[in-house]
Amino acid sequence: MIIKEIIKQLSTNLSSYDITLYPPASEQTLLNFEQKLNCPLPDDIKTFYLFCNGFESAEDLFRIIPLEEITDRLAEYEPNSFTFAEYLIYCDTWEIEINPSNPNEYWISNQGTASRLLTKSLAEFLDRFLAKGVFGDGGLYTWHDEIDIRNKPQ
């Protein structure tokens, strides 16, 4: 799945999701964010934020965080990384880490009790959330178990 498919899915089926999209980020907001991050954003992340500057869900107060809010917290993160999603008012978070030598290479991890690499695709992350939510079978939290099972030595 690619980010344009997720955007189309959100655009055409928004009423079937329990989410509220924030208005799109401006090009200037993106540029300001990249300057403060000191690293270009991956193309798919830019595309998503130009479509909507994040969203909120009624389910466990899950949110994709607006760029301005992320900017206010950048000093808390390692270089080239930031929290982009959270639930229950930062009870748990998901972080993006960008390879500065190739900005389109990045990693999404969960920053709960133990950091775990989940995916290298914002589209996959969003698709999983839209399909199963945070706690549903196949949702963001069961992803941990699936990864553990795949990586378990035979």
Protein backbone atom coordinates (compact mmCIF):
# COMPACT_ATOMS: atom_id res chain seq x y z
CA MET A 1 0.00 0.00 0.00
CA ILE A 2 1.23 3.51 -0.79
CA ILE A 3 0.34 6.78 0.91
CA LYS A 4 -1.77 8.02 -2.01
CA GLU A 5 -4.01 4.95 -1.58
CA ILE A 6 -4.44 5.73 2.13
CA ILE A 7 -5.30 9.34 1.30
CA LYS A 8 -7.86 8.18 -1.27
CA GLN A 9 -9.30 5.73 1.26
CA LEU A 10 -9.61 8.49 3.85
CA SER A 11 -11.08 10.95 1.33
CA THR A 12 -13.74 8.58 0.05
CA ASN A 13 -14.59 6.72 3.28
CA LEU A 14 -14.01 9.28 6.03
CA SER A 15 -17.49 8.81 7.49
CA SER A 16 -16.76 5.11 8.10
CA TYR A 17 -13.83 5.95 10.39
CA ASP A 18 -14.15 7.47 13.83
CA ILE A 19 -11.51 10.10 13.08
CA THR A 20 -11.38 13.83 12.54
CA LEU A 21 -8.82 15.08 10.03
CA TYR A 22 -6.94 18.28 10.83
CA PRO A 23 -6.65 20.86 8.04
CA PRO A 24 -3.68 20.32 5.69
CA ALA A 25 -0.25 21.66 6.61
CA SER A 26 1.04 24.42 4.39
CA GLU A 27 4.22 24.16 2.35
CA GLN A 28 5.70 26.78 4.69
CA THR A 29 4.81 24.70 7.75
CA LEU A 30 6.58 21.72 6.17
CA LEU A 31 9.66 23.81 5.35
CA ASN A 32 9.78 25.24 8.88
CA PHE A 33 9.49 21.76 10.34
CA GLU A 34 12.31 20.39 8.16
CA GLN A 35 14.53 23.32 9.11
CA LYS A 36 13.96 22.73 12.82
CA LEU A 37 14.40 18.97 12.40
CA ASN A 38 17.55 19.72 10.38
CA CYS A 39 16.60 16.93 8.00
CA PRO A 40 14.26 16.61 5.01
CA LEU A 41 11.06 14.65 5.56
CA PRO A 42 10.37 11.53 3.49
CA ASP A 43 8.19 12.21 0.46
CA ASP A 44 5.27 10.09 1.68
CA ILE A 45 5.21 11.86 5.04
CA LYS A 46 5.16 15.23 3.26
CA THR A 47 2.32 14.02 1.04
CA PHE A 48 0.32 12.90 4.06
CA TYR A 49 0.83 16.16 6.00
CA LEU A 50 -0.11 18.20 2.92
CA PHE A 51 -3.35 16.19 2.85
CA CYS A 52 -4.02 16.60 6.58
CA ASN A 53 -1.88 17.94 9.39
CA GLY A 54 -2.63 14.83 11.43
CA PHE A 55 -5.89 13.52 12.84
CA GLU A 56 -7.55 12.40 16.02
CA SER A 57 -9.57 9.31 16.74
CA ALA A 58 -12.15 8.71 19.41
CA GLU A 59 -10.54 5.30 20.04
CA ASP A 60 -8.26 5.76 23.04
CA LEU A 61 -7.58 9.35 21.99
CA PHE A 62 -5.21 8.11 19.28
CA ARG A 63 -3.73 10.90 17.17
CA ILE A 64 -1.36 11.58 14.34
CA ILE A 65 0.27 14.68 15.76
CA PRO A 66 0.19 18.04 13.90
CA LEU A 67 3.59 19.33 12.77
CA GLU A 68 3.40 22.44 14.96
CA GLU A 69 2.96 20.33 18.09
CA ILE A 70 5.84 18.06 17.06
CA THR A 71 8.00 21.15 16.45
CA ASP A 72 7.37 22.33 20.02
CA ARG A 73 8.80 19.03 21.31
CA LEU A 74 11.73 18.45 18.91
CA ALA A 75 14.33 19.16 21.61
CA GLU A 76 13.11 16.01 23.44
CA TYR A 77 14.09 13.67 20.59
CA GLU A 78 17.24 12.25 19.10
CA PRO A 79 18.48 13.91 15.88
CA ASN A 80 16.42 13.05 12.77
CA SER A 81 13.61 11.53 14.82
CA PHE A 82 10.32 12.63 16.32
CA THR A 83 7.10 11.30 17.79
CA PHE A 84 4.36 11.46 15.16
CA ALA A 85 1.56 9.43 16.77
CA GLU A 86 0.31 9.05 20.32
CA TYR A 87 -2.61 7.79 22.32
CA LEU A 88 -4.13 8.59 25.70
CA ILE A 89 -2.36 11.94 25.84
CA TYR A 90 1.16 10.60 25.26
CA CYS A 91 0.67 7.46 27.35
CA ASP A 92 2.24 5.61 24.42
CA THR A 93 3.91 6.94 21.30
CA TRP A 94 5.17 5.98 17.86
CA GLU A 95 8.31 7.55 16.50
CA ILE A 96 9.81 8.13 13.07
CA GLU A 97 13.58 8.00 12.64
CA ILE A 98 14.91 9.27 9.32
CA ASN A 99 18.16 8.27 7.64
CA PRO A 100 19.69 11.74 7.02
CA SER A 101 21.70 10.50 4.03
CA ASN A 102 18.54 9.11 2.39
CA PRO A 103 15.42 10.85 3.77
CA ASN A 104 13.07 8.42 2.04
CA GLU A 105 14.49 5.64 4.22
CA TYR A 106 12.95 5.78 7.67
CA TRP A 107 11.73 3.56 10.48
CA ILE A 108 8.58 3.65 12.58
CA SER A 109 8.87 2.22 16.06
CA ASN A 110 6.69 2.05 19.13
CA GLN A 111 8.12 3.84 22.11
CA GLY A 112 6.10 2.06 24.81
CA THR A 113 7.74 -0.10 27.44
CA ALA A 114 10.39 -1.20 24.92
CA SER A 115 11.22 0.36 21.58
CA ARG A 116 10.27 -1.92 18.67
CA LEU A 117 10.71 -1.42 14.96
CA LEU A 118 7.31 -1.92 13.36
CA THR A 119 7.58 -0.78 9.75
CA LYS A 120 9.40 1.35 7.22
CA SER A 121 6.13 2.64 5.74
CA LEU A 122 3.73 5.31 6.94
CA ALA A 123 1.11 3.84 4.59
CA GLU A 124 1.41 0.42 6.24
CA PHE A 125 1.16 1.99 9.71
CA LEU A 126 -1.95 3.99 8.78
CA ASP A 127 -3.54 1.08 6.93
CA ARG A 128 -3.16 -1.09 10.00
CA PHE A 129 -4.65 1.57 12.27
CA LEU A 130 -7.57 2.26 9.92
CA ALA A 131 -8.34 -1.44 9.56
CA LYS A 132 -7.97 -2.60 13.17
CA GLY A 133 -7.34 0.40 15.44
CA VAL A 134 -4.94 0.42 18.35
CA PHE A 135 -6.05 -2.68 20.27
CA GLY A 136 -8.07 -4.73 17.77
CA ASP A 137 -6.84 -8.11 16.59
CA GLY A 138 -4.38 -7.09 13.88
CA GLY A 139 -4.15 -3.54 15.27
CA LEU A 140 -1.12 -1.52 16.31
CA TYR A 141 -0.60 -3.35 19.61
CA THR A 142 -0.82 -6.89 18.29
CA TRP A 143 1.85 -5.93 15.76
CA HIS A 144 4.41 -6.38 18.55
CA ASP A 145 3.40 -10.00 19.02
CA GLU A 146 3.44 -10.71 15.29
CA ILE A 147 6.94 -9.27 15.00
CA ASP A 148 8.12 -11.26 18.03
CA ILE A 149 6.74 -14.48 16.52
CA ARG A 150 8.38 -13.78 13.13
CA ASN A 151 11.73 -13.05 14.79
CA LYS A 152 11.64 -15.95 17.22
CA PRO A 153 14.37 -18.53 16.52
CA GLN A 154 13.01 -21.86 15.33
